[in-house]
Amino acid sequence: MSVAVFVNPRAGGGRAAEIWSDLVDHEPRLAAAEILLVDDLEAAITRLDDLDAGVERLIVVGGDGSAHLAVNRLRRAARTAVALGLVPAGTGSDLART
């Protein structure tokens, strides 16, 4: 199963980058995932739009804005079969909290 991880290292005042580092340390299989580590909006859009067609799972490490961006880029590309995982690392993380 192909996995991609979208990390917004600026989310949560930099907390997302720290959480990502801890995740990789504790789960080495994540190192084999397609990693999208970008903090620029245009670069994030490009990377999400260029996701490998075989990706079946997308893990978002960030906040509400990161999750919103990922979902909308997948939806725009009609990638409805991609499962989405959220690692809340934003300032508010309202989506994860609710």
PDB file of N, CA and C in Angstrom:
ATOM      1  N   MET A   1       0.844  -1.173   0.000  1.00  0.00           N
ATOM      2  CA  MET A   1       0.000   0.000   0.000  1.00  0.00           C
ATOM      3  C   MET A   1       0.890   1.237   0.000  1.00  0.00           C
ATOM      4  N   SER A   2       0.637   2.139  -0.928  1.00  0.00           N
ATOM      5  CA  SER A   2       1.456   3.334  -1.084  1.00  0.00           C
ATOM      6  C   SER A   2       0.948   4.452  -0.166  1.00  0.00           C
ATOM      7  N   VAL A   3       1.884   5.052   0.560  1.00  0.00           N
ATOM      8  CA  VAL A   3       1.555   6.091   1.526  1.00  0.00           C
ATOM      9  C   VAL A   3       2.354   7.354   1.207  1.00  0.00           C
ATOM     10  N   ALA A   4       1.698   8.494   1.320  1.00  0.00           N
ATOM     11  CA  ALA A   4       2.369   9.788   1.224  1.00  0.00           C
ATOM     12  C   ALA A   4       2.112  10.543   2.523  1.00  0.00           C
ATOM     13  N   VAL A   5       3.083  11.363   2.906  1.00  0.00           N
ATOM     14  CA  VAL A   5       2.948  12.166   4.118  1.00  0.00           C
ATOM     15  C   VAL A   5       3.182  13.619   3.746  1.00  0.00           C
ATOM     16  N   PHE A   6       2.180  14.453   4.016  1.00  0.00           N
ATOM     17  CA  PHE A   6       2.270  15.891   3.772  1.00  0.00           C
ATOM     18  C   PHE A   6       2.527  16.561   5.111  1.00  0.00           C
ATOM     19  N   VAL A   7       3.699  17.171   5.248  1.00  0.00           N
ATOM     20  CA  VAL A   7       4.087  17.822   6.502  1.00  0.00           C
ATOM     21  C   VAL A   7       4.234  19.320   6.263  1.00  0.00           C
ATOM     22  N   ASN A   8       3.519  20.101   7.051  1.00  0.00           N
ATOM     23  CA  ASN A   8       3.683  21.547   7.038  1.00  0.00           C
ATOM     24  C   ASN A   8       4.548  21.890   8.245  1.00  0.00           C
ATOM     25  N   PRO A   9       5.860  22.075   8.041  1.00  0.00           N
ATOM     26  CA  PRO A   9       6.760  22.268   9.184  1.00  0.00           C
ATOM     27  C   PRO A   9       6.521  23.558   9.959  1.00  0.00           C
ATOM     28  N   ARG A  10       5.734  24.460   9.412  1.00  0.00           N
ATOM     29  CA  ARG A  10       5.448  25.726  10.098  1.00  0.00           C
ATOM     30  C   ARG A  10       4.199  25.642  10.965  1.00  0.00           C
ATOM     31  N   ALA A  11       3.403  24.606  10.788  1.00  0.00           N
ATOM     32  CA  ALA A  11       2.159  24.477  11.550  1.00  0.00           C
ATOM     33  C   ALA A  11       2.460  24.383  13.042  1.00  0.00           C
ATOM     34  N   GLY A  12       1.598  24.992  13.821  1.00  0.00           N
ATOM     35  CA  GLY A  12       1.757  24.946  15.273  1.00  0.00           C
ATOM     36  C   GLY A  12       3.024  25.624  15.748  1.00  0.00           C
ATOM     37  N   GLY A  13       3.466  26.639  15.015  1.00  0.00           N
ATOM     38  CA  GLY A  13       4.690  27.340  15.413  1.00  0.00           C
ATOM     39  C   GLY A  13       5.923  26.468  15.316  1.00  0.00           C
ATOM     40  N   GLY A  14       5.912  25.521  14.394  1.00  0.00           N
ATOM     41  CA  GLY A  14       7.049  24.617  14.204  1.00  0.00           C
ATOM     42  C   GLY A  14       6.866  23.262  14.863  1.00  0.00           C
ATOM     43  N   ARG A  15       5.786  23.106  15.599  1.00  0.00           N
ATOM     44  CA  ARG A  15       5.535  21.844  16.299  1.00  0.00           C
ATOM     45  C   ARG A  15       5.352  20.677  15.338  1.00  0.00           C
ATOM     46  N   ALA A  16       4.782  20.929  14.160  1.00  0.00           N
ATOM     47  CA  ALA A  16       4.549  19.846  13.189  1.00  0.00           C
ATOM     48  C   ALA A  16       5.862  19.201  12.757  1.00  0.00           C
ATOM     49  N   ALA A  17       6.886  20.007  12.555  1.00  0.00           N
ATOM     50  CA  ALA A  17       8.194  19.466  12.160  1.00  0.00           C
ATOM     51  C   ALA A  17       8.754  18.561  13.260  1.00  0.00           C
ATOM     52  N   GLU A  18       8.591  18.962  14.500  1.00  0.00           N
ATOM     53  CA  GLU A  18       9.061  18.157  15.631  1.00  0.00           C
ATOM     54  C   GLU A  18       8.275  16.846  15.731  1.00  0.00           C
ATOM     55  N   ILE A  19       6.975  16.934  15.561  1.00  0.00           N
ATOM     56  CA  ILE A  19       6.132  15.737  15.624  1.00  0.00           C
ATOM     57  C   ILE A  19       6.505  14.780  14.515  1.00  0.00           C
ATOM     58  N   TRP A  20       6.728  15.305  13.294  1.00  0.00           N
ATOM     59  CA  TRP A  20       7.131  14.459  12.171  1.00  0.00           C
ATOM     60  C   TRP A  20       8.440  13.741  12.482  1.00  0.00           C
ATOM     61  N   SER A  21       9.400  14.458  13.023  1.00  0.00           N
ATOM     62  CA  SER A  21      10.687  13.862  13.371  1.00  0.00           C
ATOM     63  C   SER A  21      10.500  12.728  14.381  1.00  0.00           C
ATOM     64  N   ASP A  22       9.661  12.953  15.387  1.00  0.00           N
ATOM     65  CA  ASP A  22       9.381  11.914  16.389  1.00  0.00           C
ATOM     66  C   ASP A  22       8.684  10.708  15.758  1.00  0.00           C
ATOM     67  N   LEU A  23       7.745  10.966  14.857  1.00  0.00           N
ATOM     68  CA  LEU A  23       7.024   9.871  14.192  1.00  0.00           C
ATOM     69  C   LEU A  23       7.975   8.974  13.407  1.00  0.00           C
ATOM     70  N   VAL A  24       8.872   9.575  12.647  1.00  0.00           N
ATOM     71  CA  VAL A  24       9.819   8.795  11.846  1.00  0.00           C
ATOM     72  C   VAL A  24      10.747   8.000  12.763  1.00  0.00           C
ATOM     73  N   ASP A  25      11.162   8.598  13.872  1.00  0.00           N
ATOM     74  CA  ASP A  25      12.029   7.889  14.829  1.00  0.00           C
ATOM     75  C   ASP A  25      11.334   6.663  15.409  1.00  0.00           C
ATOM     76  N   HIS A  26      10.025   6.762  15.650  1.00  0.00           N
ATOM     77  CA  HIS A  26       9.286   5.670  16.286  1.00  0.00           C
ATOM     78  C   HIS A  26       8.646   4.693  15.303  1.00  0.00           C
ATOM     79  N   GLU A  27       8.514   5.104  14.059  1.00  0.00           N
ATOM     80  CA  GLU A  27       7.907   4.236  13.041  1.00  0.00           C
ATOM     81  C   GLU A  27       8.751   4.300  11.770  1.00  0.00           C
ATOM     82  N   PRO A  28       9.820   3.494  11.704  1.00  0.00           N
ATOM     83  CA  PRO A  28      10.756   3.547  10.572  1.00  0.00           C
ATOM     84  C   PRO A  28      10.111   3.290   9.213  1.00  0.00           C
ATOM     85  N   ARG A  29       8.979   2.584   9.176  1.00  0.00           N
ATOM     86  CA  ARG A  29       8.321   2.325   7.886  1.00  0.00           C
ATOM     87  C   ARG A  29       7.867   3.607   7.205  1.00  0.00           C
ATOM     88  N   LEU A  30       7.690   4.673   7.973  1.00  0.00           N
ATOM     89  CA  LEU A  30       7.288   5.947   7.386  1.00  0.00           C
ATOM     90  C   LEU A  30       8.363   6.520   6.472  1.00  0.00           C
ATOM     91  N   ALA A  31       9.608   6.130   6.686  1.00  0.00           N
ATOM     92  CA  ALA A  31      10.698   6.630   5.849  1.00  0.00           C
ATOM     93  C   ALA A  31      10.529   6.198   4.393  1.00  0.00           C
ATOM     94  N   ALA A  32       9.776   5.129   4.151  1.00  0.00           N
ATOM     95  CA  ALA A  32       9.554   4.644   2.792  1.00  0.00           C
ATOM     96  C   ALA A  32       8.408   5.387   2.096  1.00  0.00           C
ATOM     97  N   ALA A  33       7.690   6.216   2.832  1.00  0.00           N
ATOM     98  CA  ALA A  33       6.559   6.950   2.258  1.00  0.00           C
ATOM     99  C   ALA A  33       7.057   8.087   1.378  1.00  0.00           C
ATOM    100  N   GLU A  34       6.204   8.529   0.486  1.00  0.00           N
ATOM    101  CA  GLU A  34       6.489   9.725  -0.300  1.00  0.00           C
ATOM    102  C   GLU A  34       6.305  10.915   0.639  1.00  0.00           C
ATOM    103  N   ILE A  35       7.359  11.685   0.857  1.00  0.00           N
ATOM    104  CA  ILE A  35       7.319  12.773   1.828  1.00  0.00           C
ATOM    105  C   ILE A  35       7.169  14.109   1.111  1.00  0.00           C
ATOM    106  N   LEU A  36       6.183  14.881   1.532  1.00  0.00           N
ATOM    107  CA  LEU A  36       5.948  16.220   1.005  1.00  0.00           C
ATOM    108  C   LEU A  36       6.167  17.175   2.167  1.00  0.00           C
ATOM    109  N   LEU A  37       7.382  17.611   2.350  1.00  0.00           N
ATOM    110  CA  LEU A  37       7.754  18.490   3.463  1.00  0.00           C
ATOM    111  C   LEU A  37       7.933  19.892   2.899  1.00  0.00           C
ATOM    112  N   VAL A  38       6.865  20.675   2.923  1.00  0.00           N
ATOM    113  CA  VAL A  38       6.885  22.003   2.307  1.00  0.00           C
ATOM    114  C   VAL A  38       6.178  23.015   3.201  1.00  0.00           C
ATOM    115  N   ASP A  39       6.739  24.225   3.247  1.00  0.00           N
ATOM    116  CA  ASP A  39       6.099  25.266   4.051  1.00  0.00           C
ATOM    117  C   ASP A  39       5.627  26.444   3.207  1.00  0.00           C
ATOM    118  N   ASP A  40       5.766  26.330   1.900  1.00  0.00           N
ATOM    119  CA  ASP A  40       5.318  27.368   0.975  1.00  0.00           C
ATOM    120  C   ASP A  40       4.019  26.899   0.319  1.00  0.00           C
ATOM    121  N   LEU A  41       3.009  27.758   0.300  1.00  0.00           N
ATOM    122  CA  LEU A  41       1.696  27.376  -0.212  1.00  0.00           C
ATOM    123  C   LEU A  41       1.755  26.903  -1.657  1.00  0.00           C
ATOM    124  N   GLU A  42       2.397  27.647  -2.526  1.00  0.00           N
ATOM    125  CA  GLU A  42       2.456  27.260  -3.938  1.00  0.00           C
ATOM    126  C   GLU A  42       3.190  25.936  -4.126  1.00  0.00           C
ATOM    127  N   ALA A  43       4.264  25.733  -3.379  1.00  0.00           N
ATOM    128  CA  ALA A  43       4.998  24.468  -3.460  1.00  0.00           C
ATOM    129  C   ALA A  43       4.145  23.317  -2.943  1.00  0.00           C
ATOM    130  N   ALA A  44       3.375  23.573  -1.893  1.00  0.00           N
ATOM    131  CA  ALA A  44       2.496  22.530  -1.346  1.00  0.00           C
ATOM    132  C   ALA A  44       1.429  22.143  -2.360  1.00  0.00           C
ATOM    133  N   ILE A  45       0.849  23.133  -3.011  1.00  0.00           N
ATOM    134  CA  ILE A  45      -0.170  22.852  -4.028  1.00  0.00           C
ATOM    135  C   ILE A  45       0.423  22.014  -5.146  1.00  0.00           C
ATOM    136  N   THR A  46       1.588  22.409  -5.618  1.00  0.00           N
ATOM    137  CA  THR A  46       2.249  21.668  -6.701  1.00  0.00           C
ATOM    138  C   THR A  46       2.545  20.241  -6.291  1.00  0.00           C
ATOM    139  N   ARG A  47       3.094  20.059  -5.101  1.00  0.00           N
ATOM    140  CA  ARG A  47       3.453  18.713  -4.642  1.00  0.00           C
ATOM    141  C   ARG A  47       2.217  17.842  -4.451  1.00  0.00           C
ATOM    142  N   LEU A  48       1.153  18.402  -3.899  1.00  0.00           N
ATOM    143  CA  LEU A  48      -0.085  17.632  -3.718  1.00  0.00           C
ATOM    144  C   LEU A  48      -0.711  17.278  -5.062  1.00  0.00           C
ATOM    145  N   ASP A  49      -0.671  18.218  -5.994  1.00  0.00           N
ATOM    146  CA  ASP A  49      -1.227  17.950  -7.323  1.00  0.00           C
ATOM    147  C   ASP A  49      -0.415  16.898  -8.074  1.00  0.00           C
ATOM    148  N   ASP A  50       0.870  16.791  -7.767  1.00  0.00           N
ATOM    149  CA  ASP A  50       1.750  15.838  -8.449  1.00  0.00           C
ATOM    150  C   ASP A  50       1.899  14.514  -7.701  1.00  0.00           C
ATOM    151  N   LEU A  51       1.049  14.283  -6.710  1.00  0.00           N
ATOM    152  CA  LEU A  51       1.116  13.032  -5.947  1.00  0.00           C
ATOM    153  C   LEU A  51       1.064  11.833  -6.880  1.00  0.00           C
ATOM    154  N   ASP A  52       1.866  10.845  -6.595  1.00  0.00           N
ATOM    155  CA  ASP A  52       1.880   9.621  -7.388  1.00  0.00           C
ATOM    156  C   ASP A  52       0.470   9.040  -7.458  1.00  0.00           C
ATOM    157  N   ALA A  53       0.083   8.601  -8.631  1.00  0.00           N
ATOM    158  CA  ALA A  53      -1.266   8.058  -8.838  1.00  0.00           C
ATOM    159  C   ALA A  53      -1.527   6.809  -8.008  1.00  0.00           C
ATOM    160  N   GLY A  54      -0.471   6.130  -7.572  1.00  0.00           N
ATOM    161  CA  GLY A  54      -0.632   4.913  -6.790  1.00  0.00           C
ATOM    162  C   GLY A  54      -0.816   5.146  -5.298  1.00  0.00           C
ATOM    163  N   VAL A  55      -0.737   6.385  -4.856  1.00  0.00           N
ATOM    164  CA  VAL A  55      -0.890   6.681  -3.428  1.00  0.00           C
ATOM    165  C   VAL A  55      -2.311   6.362  -2.994  1.00  0.00           C
ATOM    166  N   GLU A  56      -2.404   5.524  -1.962  1.00  0.00           N
ATOM    167  CA  GLU A  56      -3.703   5.111  -1.436  1.00  0.00           C
ATOM    168  C   GLU A  56      -4.033   5.747  -0.088  1.00  0.00           C
ATOM    169  N   ARG A  57      -2.993   6.258   0.573  1.00  0.00           N
ATOM    170  CA  ARG A  57      -3.183   6.892   1.876  1.00  0.00           C
ATOM    171  C   ARG A  57      -2.356   8.164   1.932  1.00  0.00           C
ATOM    172  N   LEU A  58      -2.957   9.221   2.450  1.00  0.00           N
ATOM    173  CA  LEU A  58      -2.259  10.477   2.649  1.00  0.00           C
ATOM    174  C   LEU A  58      -2.372  10.848   4.117  1.00  0.00           C
ATOM    175  N   ILE A  59      -1.242  11.026   4.753  1.00  0.00           N
ATOM    176  CA  ILE A  59      -1.191  11.431   6.158  1.00  0.00           C
ATOM    177  C   ILE A  59      -0.799  12.906   6.176  1.00  0.00           C
ATOM    178  N   VAL A  60      -1.587  13.716   6.851  1.00  0.00           N
ATOM    179  CA  VAL A  60      -1.305  15.143   6.962  1.00  0.00           C
ATOM    180  C   VAL A  60      -0.817  15.427   8.376  1.00  0.00           C
ATOM    181  N   VAL A  61       0.387  15.992   8.478  1.00  0.00           N
ATOM    182  CA  VAL A  61       0.937  16.412   9.769  1.00  0.00           C
ATOM    183  C   VAL A  61       0.924  17.936   9.748  1.00  0.00           C
ATOM    184  N   GLY A  62      -0.057  18.498  10.436  1.00  0.00           N
ATOM    185  CA  GLY A  62      -0.213  19.948  10.427  1.00  0.00           C
ATOM    186  C   GLY A  62      -1.516  20.326  11.086  1.00  0.00           C
ATOM    187  N   GLY A  63      -1.981  21.485  10.730  1.00  0.00           N
ATOM    188  CA  GLY A  63      -3.211  21.985  11.334  1.00  0.00           C
ATOM    189  C   GLY A  63      -4.383  21.962  10.383  1.00  0.00           C
ATOM    190  N   ASP A  64      -5.373  22.755  10.719  1.00  0.00           N
ATOM    191  CA  ASP A  64      -6.595  22.805   9.933  1.00  0.00           C
ATOM    192  C   ASP A  64      -6.331  23.259   8.498  1.00  0.00           C
ATOM    193  N   GLY A  65      -5.462  24.233   8.325  1.00  0.00           N
ATOM    194  CA  GLY A  65      -5.152  24.726   6.987  1.00  0.00           C
ATOM    195  C   GLY A  65      -4.497  23.671   6.123  1.00  0.00           C
ATOM    196  N   SER A  66      -3.608  22.898   6.706  1.00  0.00           N
ATOM    197  CA  SER A  66      -2.932  21.825   5.971  1.00  0.00           C
ATOM    198  C   SER A  66      -3.922  20.748   5.558  1.00  0.00           C
ATOM    199  N   ALA A  67      -4.798  20.379   6.477  1.00  0.00           N
ATOM    200  CA  ALA A  67      -5.813  19.359   6.177  1.00  0.00           C
ATOM    201  C   ALA A  67      -6.765  19.867   5.091  1.00  0.00           C
ATOM    202  N   HIS A  68      -7.192  21.107   5.221  1.00  0.00           N
ATOM    203  CA  HIS A  68      -8.098  21.714   4.250  1.00  0.00           C
ATOM    204  C   HIS A  68      -7.460  21.721   2.859  1.00  0.00           C
ATOM    205  N   LEU A  69      -6.209  22.130   2.781  1.00  0.00           N
ATOM    206  CA  LEU A  69      -5.504  22.166   1.500  1.00  0.00           C
ATOM    207  C   LEU A  69      -5.413  20.770   0.891  1.00  0.00           C
ATOM    208  N   ALA A  70      -5.013  19.792   1.683  1.00  0.00           N
ATOM    209  CA  ALA A  70      -4.854  18.420   1.176  1.00  0.00           C
ATOM    210  C   ALA A  70      -6.175  17.859   0.662  1.00  0.00           C
ATOM    211  N   VAL A  71      -7.230  18.029   1.426  1.00  0.00           N
ATOM    212  CA  VAL A  71      -8.532  17.506   1.015  1.00  0.00           C
ATOM    213  C   VAL A  71      -9.000  18.168  -0.275  1.00  0.00           C
ATOM    214  N   ASN A  72      -8.847  19.466  -0.354  1.00  0.00           N
ATOM    215  CA  ASN A  72      -9.289  20.174  -1.552  1.00  0.00           C
ATOM    216  C   ASN A  72      -8.461  19.817  -2.782  1.00  0.00           C
ATOM    217  N   ARG A  73      -7.172  19.593  -2.637  1.00  0.00           N
ATOM    218  CA  ARG A  73      -6.348  19.206  -3.787  1.00  0.00           C
ATOM    219  C   ARG A  73      -6.708  17.789  -4.232  1.00  0.00           C
ATOM    220  N   LEU A  74      -6.967  16.879  -3.294  1.00  0.00           N
ATOM    221  CA  LEU A  74      -7.381  15.524  -3.657  1.00  0.00           C
ATOM    222  C   LEU A  74      -8.735  15.560  -4.349  1.00  0.00           C
ATOM    223  N   ARG A  75      -9.637  16.336  -3.807  1.00  0.00           N
ATOM    224  CA  ARG A  75     -10.984  16.445  -4.386  1.00  0.00           C
ATOM    225  C   ARG A  75     -10.923  17.036  -5.785  1.00  0.00           C
ATOM    226  N   ARG A  76     -10.127  18.056  -5.958  1.00  0.00           N
ATOM    227  CA  ARG A  76     -10.005  18.703  -7.265  1.00  0.00           C
ATOM    228  C   ARG A  76      -9.478  17.724  -8.315  1.00  0.00           C
ATOM    229  N   ALA A  77      -8.588  16.829  -7.882  1.00  0.00           N
ATOM    230  CA  ALA A  77      -8.013  15.832  -8.794  1.00  0.00           C
ATOM    231  C   ALA A  77      -8.879  14.582  -8.883  1.00  0.00           C
ATOM    232  N   ALA A  78     -10.044  14.594  -8.244  1.00  0.00           N
ATOM    233  CA  ALA A  78     -10.964  13.445  -8.228  1.00  0.00           C
ATOM    234  C   ALA A  78     -10.296  12.199  -7.662  1.00  0.00           C
ATOM    235  N   ARG A  79      -9.457  12.376  -6.650  1.00  0.00           N
ATOM    236  CA  ARG A  79      -8.774  11.259  -5.994  1.00  0.00           C
ATOM    237  C   ARG A  79      -9.596  10.817  -4.790  1.00  0.00           C
ATOM    238  N   THR A  80     -10.781  10.268  -5.052  1.00  0.00           N
ATOM    239  CA  THR A  80     -11.719   9.926  -3.985  1.00  0.00           C
ATOM    240  C   THR A  80     -11.371   8.634  -3.259  1.00  0.00           C
ATOM    241  N   ALA A  81     -10.459   7.843  -3.797  1.00  0.00           N
ATOM    242  CA  ALA A  81     -10.116   6.569  -3.170  1.00  0.00           C
ATOM    243  C   ALA A  81      -8.911   6.680  -2.235  1.00  0.00           C
ATOM    244  N   VAL A  82      -8.449   7.887  -1.974  1.00  0.00           N
ATOM    245  CA  VAL A  82      -7.304   8.083  -1.082  1.00  0.00           C
ATOM    246  C   VAL A  82      -7.814   8.263   0.344  1.00  0.00           C
ATOM    247  N   ALA A  83      -7.356   7.397   1.239  1.00  0.00           N
ATOM    248  CA  ALA A  83      -7.713   7.520   2.656  1.00  0.00           C
ATOM    249  C   ALA A  83      -6.862   8.630   3.272  1.00  0.00           C
ATOM    250  N   LEU A  84      -7.474   9.423   4.122  1.00  0.00           N
ATOM    251  CA  LEU A  84      -6.797  10.556   4.730  1.00  0.00           C
ATOM    252  C   LEU A  84      -6.607  10.316   6.215  1.00  0.00           C
ATOM    253  N   GLY A  85      -5.382  10.539   6.670  1.00  0.00           N
ATOM    254  CA  GLY A  85      -5.078  10.469   8.093  1.00  0.00           C
ATOM    255  C   GLY A  85      -4.612  11.833   8.554  1.00  0.00           C
ATOM    256  N   LEU A  86      -4.936  12.217   9.759  1.00  0.00           N
ATOM    257  CA  LEU A  86      -4.563  13.529  10.277  1.00  0.00           C
ATOM    258  C   LEU A  86      -3.798  13.369  11.586  1.00  0.00           C
ATOM    259  N   VAL A  87      -2.607  13.949  11.599  1.00  0.00           N
ATOM    260  CA  VAL A  87      -1.831  14.048  12.828  1.00  0.00           C
ATOM    261  C   VAL A  87      -1.912  15.519  13.226  1.00  0.00           C
ATOM    262  N   PRO A  88      -2.757  15.838  14.217  1.00  0.00           N
ATOM    263  CA  PRO A  88      -2.982  17.231  14.566  1.00  0.00           C
ATOM    264  C   PRO A  88      -1.735  17.878  15.168  1.00  0.00           C
ATOM    265  N   ALA A  89      -1.268  18.924  14.480  1.00  0.00           N
ATOM    266  CA  ALA A  89      -0.070  19.597  14.945  1.00  0.00           C
ATOM    267  C   ALA A  89      -0.178  21.106  14.749  1.00  0.00           C
ATOM    268  N   GLY A  90      -1.390  21.576  14.569  1.00  0.00           N
ATOM    269  CA  GLY A  90      -1.588  23.004  14.352  1.00  0.00           C
ATOM    270  C   GLY A  90      -1.778  23.743  15.651  1.00  0.00           C
ATOM    271  N   THR A  91      -1.960  25.034  15.533  1.00  0.00           N
ATOM    272  CA  THR A  91      -2.166  25.859  16.720  1.00  0.00           C
ATOM    273  C   THR A  91      -3.485  25.536  17.394  1.00  0.00           C
ATOM    274  N   GLY A  92      -4.553  25.455  16.596  1.00  0.00           N
ATOM    275  CA  GLY A  92      -5.866  25.161  17.164  1.00  0.00           C
ATOM    276  C   GLY A  92      -6.303  23.727  16.938  1.00  0.00           C
ATOM    277  N   SER A  93      -6.020  23.191  15.756  1.00  0.00           N
ATOM    278  CA  SER A  93      -6.420  21.828  15.372  1.00  0.00           C
ATOM    279  C   SER A  93      -7.895  21.584  15.668  1.00  0.00           C
ATOM    280  N   ASP A  94      -8.727  22.539  15.273  1.00  0.00           N
ATOM    281  CA  ASP A  94     -10.165  22.433  15.524  1.00  0.00           C
ATOM    282  C   ASP A  94     -10.781  21.212  14.840  1.00  0.00           C
ATOM    283  N   LEU A  95     -10.325  20.912  13.637  1.00  0.00           N
ATOM    284  CA  LEU A  95     -10.863  19.751  12.912  1.00  0.00           C
ATOM    285  C   LEU A  95     -10.646  18.464  13.696  1.00  0.00           C
ATOM    286  N   ALA A  96      -9.439  18.258  14.165  1.00  0.00           N
ATOM    287  CA  ALA A  96      -9.132  17.047  14.925  1.00  0.00           C
ATOM    288  C   ALA A  96      -9.869  17.024  16.256  1.00  0.00           C
ATOM    289  N   ARG A  97     -10.012  18.178  16.855  1.00  0.00           N
ATOM    290  CA  ARG A  97     -10.670  18.248  18.157  1.00  0.00           C
ATOM    291  C   ARG A  97     -12.144  17.924  18.065  1.00  0.00           C
ATOM    292  N   THR A  98     -12.792  18.357  16.972  1.00  0.00           N
ATOM    293  CA  THR A  98     -14.224  18.089  16.834  1.00  0.00           C
ATOM    294  C   THR A  98     -14.433  16.710  16.293  1.00  0.00           C
TER     295      THR A  98
END
